[in-house]
Amino acid sequence: MTLVQKKGPITGEEIGDALGLARATLRPDLAFLTRTGIIGAKPRVGYYYDGRGIPDQISSKLNKLIVGDWMGVPKVIDSKLSVYDAIVEMFMRDVGSLFITAADEGLVGIVSRKDLLRANMGQGDIKQMPVSLIMTRMPNLITCRPEDTLLSAAQKLQDHQIDSLPVIGNDPISGAKTLQPLGRITKTTIVKAFVGLGS
């Protein structure tokens, strides 16, 4: 593909010479690439890349997937709850992280399984310790918005090695000016989208 992109139009013989292979050896590969639309071919001209192949189709489809269409329901708890209560909530909801909100402040933090495990192994009384003491606070949260692409959200999950992203925005129902958790994007969300694209 790279050879065709750089030197096209190029004949099958020229491709074979450049790769050190016989034309007959390349025939099945070239047939696959032309049938799938990755490269084009014209008699007496050769193979060429027109920029409309499968990689571009996939990229185009990925960039049409929007966070707002895929986000799940946010798992939210109040900042006044104890670490113990947060552990119970996480277990009952079967999630990897909880979004923390405070009255009149909106989203103030996030707590993960690792945070809760670390707190549980410490010296403090987890039934008395507020979850706000161990959460990752704003503005250190990695977030996304409903209008972002799912691809950009997936990139954030990968770059920051985290399991979930709060989808934030102003609550359209209450009209609150504080940033509210409107949804969540997780690694599972990305897998569902990937499977959806494939099917």
Foldseek 3Di string as FASTA:
>chain_A
DVCQAVDPPDALCRVCVVVVHDSVVCVVVVVVCCVQLQWHADPPGHIHGDQPGDVNVVVVVQQVAFQLVQFAAAAEDEQQAFLVVVVVSCVVVVDFKHFYQYPLAATFFMDGPVLSVVVVPDDDDRRRHGPNVRTDGPPVADAAERGGGVVVVVVVCVVVVHFKHFHWDQDPPVRRPHIHRRGMDGPVSVVVVVVVVVD
